[in-house]
Amino acid sequence: MIDAKVLDRSFTYNGMKLPDPDPRMTPEEVKAIYSHQYPELATAAITGPEAAGDRLQYSFVRAIGTKG
């Protein structure tokens, strides 16, 4: 018999671990929540999920570009 298990999610940005505010939210919704605290997340890309032990790891990656 195979047991199905829901994996916890974790999010990282710029080396910081960010808690999952609500497992029912999509990664895009989580990014929108954190963009209030980190405005540069508004244009960040989401990478993942990657399996990391017993959790799924998502990363917010800042868009690279120039201002002006």
N, C-alpha and C. Protein backbone atom coordinates (compact mmCIF):
# COMPACT_ATOMS: atom_id res chain seq x y z
N MET A 1 0.83 -1.18 0.00
CA MET A 1 0.00 0.00 0.00
C MET A 1 0.88 1.25 0.00
N ILE A 2 0.48 2.24 -0.76
CA ILE A 2 1.21 3.49 -0.85
C ILE A 2 0.45 4.55 -0.06
N ASP A 3 1.17 5.25 0.81
CA ASP A 3 0.56 6.34 1.57
C ASP A 3 0.81 7.65 0.84
N ALA A 4 -0.24 8.42 0.67
CA ALA A 4 -0.10 9.75 0.07
C ALA A 4 0.06 10.75 1.20
N LYS A 5 1.00 11.66 1.03
CA LYS A 5 1.28 12.65 2.06
C LYS A 5 1.40 14.01 1.41
N VAL A 6 0.76 14.98 2.01
CA VAL A 6 0.88 16.35 1.52
C VAL A 6 2.18 16.91 2.07
N LEU A 7 3.04 17.40 1.17
CA LEU A 7 4.31 17.95 1.60
C LEU A 7 4.15 19.41 1.99
N ASP A 8 4.85 19.81 3.04
CA ASP A 8 4.88 21.21 3.41
C ASP A 8 5.66 21.98 2.35
N ARG A 9 5.36 23.27 2.24
CA ARG A 9 6.08 24.11 1.28
C ARG A 9 6.95 25.08 2.05
N SER A 10 8.06 25.46 1.43
CA SER A 10 8.86 26.54 1.97
C SER A 10 9.24 27.45 0.82
N PHE A 11 9.41 28.71 1.15
CA PHE A 11 9.72 29.72 0.16
C PHE A 11 11.01 30.43 0.58
N THR A 12 11.84 30.74 -0.39
CA THR A 12 13.06 31.50 -0.10
C THR A 12 13.14 32.69 -1.03
N TYR A 13 13.75 33.73 -0.50
CA TYR A 13 14.02 34.91 -1.31
C TYR A 13 15.30 35.55 -0.81
N ASN A 14 16.26 35.73 -1.70
CA ASN A 14 17.50 36.42 -1.37
C ASN A 14 18.17 35.81 -0.14
N GLY A 15 18.13 34.48 -0.02
CA GLY A 15 18.77 33.80 1.09
C GLY A 15 17.92 33.71 2.35
N MET A 16 16.75 34.32 2.35
CA MET A 16 15.87 34.29 3.52
C MET A 16 14.81 33.22 3.34
N LYS A 17 14.49 32.55 4.43
CA LYS A 17 13.38 31.59 4.41
C LYS A 17 12.12 32.33 4.79
N LEU A 18 11.08 32.16 4.00
CA LEU A 18 9.80 32.81 4.25
C LEU A 18 8.77 31.73 4.56
N PRO A 19 8.04 31.86 5.66
CA PRO A 19 7.04 30.84 5.98
C PRO A 19 5.88 30.84 4.98
N ASP A 20 5.26 29.70 4.85
CA ASP A 20 4.10 29.56 3.97
C ASP A 20 2.90 30.15 4.71
N PRO A 21 2.34 31.27 4.22
CA PRO A 21 1.23 31.89 4.94
C PRO A 21 -0.05 31.06 4.93
N ASP A 22 -0.26 30.28 3.88
CA ASP A 22 -1.48 29.47 3.78
C ASP A 22 -1.25 28.41 2.71
N PRO A 23 -1.23 27.13 3.08
CA PRO A 23 -0.97 26.06 2.10
C PRO A 23 -1.99 26.02 0.96
N ARG A 24 -3.15 26.65 1.14
CA ARG A 24 -4.16 26.65 0.08
C ARG A 24 -3.89 27.70 -0.98
N MET A 25 -2.97 28.63 -0.70
CA MET A 25 -2.64 29.68 -1.66
C MET A 25 -1.71 29.15 -2.75
N THR A 26 -1.83 29.72 -3.95
CA THR A 26 -0.89 29.38 -5.01
C THR A 26 0.43 30.09 -4.74
N PRO A 27 1.52 29.62 -5.31
CA PRO A 27 2.79 30.33 -5.15
C PRO A 27 2.69 31.80 -5.61
N GLU A 28 1.90 32.07 -6.65
CA GLU A 28 1.71 33.47 -7.10
C GLU A 28 1.04 34.31 -6.02
N GLU A 29 0.06 33.73 -5.33
CA GLU A 29 -0.62 34.45 -4.25
C GLU A 29 0.33 34.70 -3.08
N VAL A 30 1.18 33.73 -2.79
CA VAL A 30 2.17 33.91 -1.72
C VAL A 30 3.13 35.04 -2.10
N LYS A 31 3.56 35.05 -3.36
CA LYS A 31 4.45 36.11 -3.82
C LYS A 31 3.79 37.48 -3.67
N ALA A 32 2.51 37.56 -3.99
CA ALA A 32 1.78 38.83 -3.86
C ALA A 32 1.72 39.29 -2.41
N ILE A 33 1.53 38.36 -1.49
CA ILE A 33 1.50 38.70 -0.06
C ILE A 33 2.85 39.28 0.36
N TYR A 34 3.94 38.60 0.01
CA TYR A 34 5.28 39.04 0.42
C TYR A 34 5.76 40.27 -0.34
N SER A 35 5.15 40.58 -1.47
CA SER A 35 5.60 41.77 -2.22
C SER A 35 5.25 43.06 -1.48
N HIS A 36 4.34 43.00 -0.51
CA HIS A 36 4.06 44.18 0.31
C HIS A 36 5.26 44.49 1.21
N GLN A 37 5.92 43.44 1.68
CA GLN A 37 7.09 43.61 2.55
C GLN A 37 8.37 43.77 1.73
N TYR A 38 8.42 43.10 0.58
CA TYR A 38 9.59 43.14 -0.30
C TYR A 38 9.11 43.56 -1.68
N PRO A 39 9.02 44.87 -1.97
CA PRO A 39 8.43 45.34 -3.23
C PRO A 39 9.08 44.77 -4.48
N GLU A 40 10.36 44.42 -4.41
CA GLU A 40 11.04 43.88 -5.60
C GLU A 40 10.50 42.50 -5.99
N LEU A 41 9.74 41.86 -5.11
CA LEU A 41 9.12 40.58 -5.46
C LEU A 41 8.03 40.72 -6.52
N ALA A 42 7.50 41.92 -6.68
CA ALA A 42 6.42 42.12 -7.65
C ALA A 42 6.82 41.67 -9.04
N THR A 43 8.09 41.80 -9.38
CA THR A 43 8.56 41.40 -10.71
C THR A 43 9.42 40.13 -10.66
N ALA A 44 9.48 39.48 -9.51
CA ALA A 44 10.32 38.29 -9.37
C ALA A 44 9.68 37.08 -10.04
N ALA A 45 10.53 36.15 -10.45
CA ALA A 45 10.07 34.88 -11.01
C ALA A 45 10.00 33.86 -9.88
N ILE A 46 9.18 32.84 -10.07
CA ILE A 46 9.07 31.76 -9.10
C ILE A 46 9.71 30.52 -9.71
N THR A 47 10.66 29.93 -9.00
CA THR A 47 11.25 28.67 -9.45
C THR A 47 10.83 27.57 -8.50
N GLY A 48 10.76 26.36 -9.01
CA GLY A 48 10.35 25.24 -8.19
C GLY A 48 8.98 24.75 -8.59
N PRO A 49 8.47 23.81 -7.91
CA PRO A 49 9.01 23.29 -6.64
C PRO A 49 10.10 22.25 -6.86
N GLU A 50 11.02 22.22 -5.90
CA GLU A 50 12.04 21.19 -5.85
C GLU A 50 11.85 20.44 -4.55
N ALA A 51 11.95 19.14 -4.60
CA ALA A 51 11.82 18.34 -3.39
C ALA A 51 13.06 18.56 -2.53
N ALA A 52 12.84 18.90 -1.27
CA ALA A 52 13.93 19.10 -0.32
C ALA A 52 13.54 18.38 0.96
N GLY A 53 13.90 17.10 1.04
CA GLY A 53 13.51 16.30 2.20
C GLY A 53 12.02 16.05 2.17
N ASP A 54 11.32 16.49 3.21
CA ASP A 54 9.88 16.27 3.29
C ASP A 54 9.09 17.52 2.95
N ARG A 55 9.70 18.41 2.18
CA ARG A 55 8.98 19.63 1.80
C ARG A 55 9.28 20.00 0.35
N LEU A 56 8.43 20.86 -0.18
CA LEU A 56 8.64 21.39 -1.53
C LEU A 56 9.21 22.79 -1.40
N GLN A 57 10.30 23.04 -2.08
CA GLN A 57 11.01 24.32 -1.98
C GLN A 57 10.71 25.18 -3.21
N TYR A 58 10.19 26.37 -2.98
CA TYR A 58 9.99 27.36 -4.02
C TYR A 58 10.96 28.51 -3.75
N SER A 59 11.43 29.13 -4.82
CA SER A 59 12.30 30.29 -4.67
C SER A 59 11.76 31.45 -5.49
N PHE A 60 11.84 32.63 -4.91
CA PHE A 60 11.52 33.85 -5.63
C PHE A 60 12.85 34.43 -6.11
N VAL A 61 12.95 34.61 -7.43
CA VAL A 61 14.20 35.07 -8.02
C VAL A 61 13.97 36.44 -8.64
N ARG A 62 14.75 37.40 -8.16
CA ARG A 62 14.62 38.77 -8.63
C ARG A 62 14.91 38.87 -10.12
N ALA A 63 14.11 39.66 -10.80
CA ALA A 63 14.34 39.89 -12.22
C ALA A 63 15.59 40.73 -12.37
N ILE A 64 16.43 40.37 -13.31
CA ILE A 64 17.65 41.12 -13.54
C ILE A 64 17.42 42.10 -14.68
N GLY A 65 17.76 43.33 -14.42
CA GLY A 65 17.57 44.36 -15.43
C GLY A 65 18.21 45.65 -14.97
N THR A 66 18.07 46.66 -15.78
CA THR A 66 18.62 47.96 -15.42
C THR A 66 17.49 48.96 -15.26
N LYS A 67 17.73 49.91 -14.40
CA LYS A 67 16.75 50.97 -14.20
C LYS A 67 17.01 52.08 -15.20
N GLY A 68 15.96 52.80 -15.53
CA GLY A 68 16.17 53.97 -16.35
C GLY A 68 15.60 53.80 -17.64
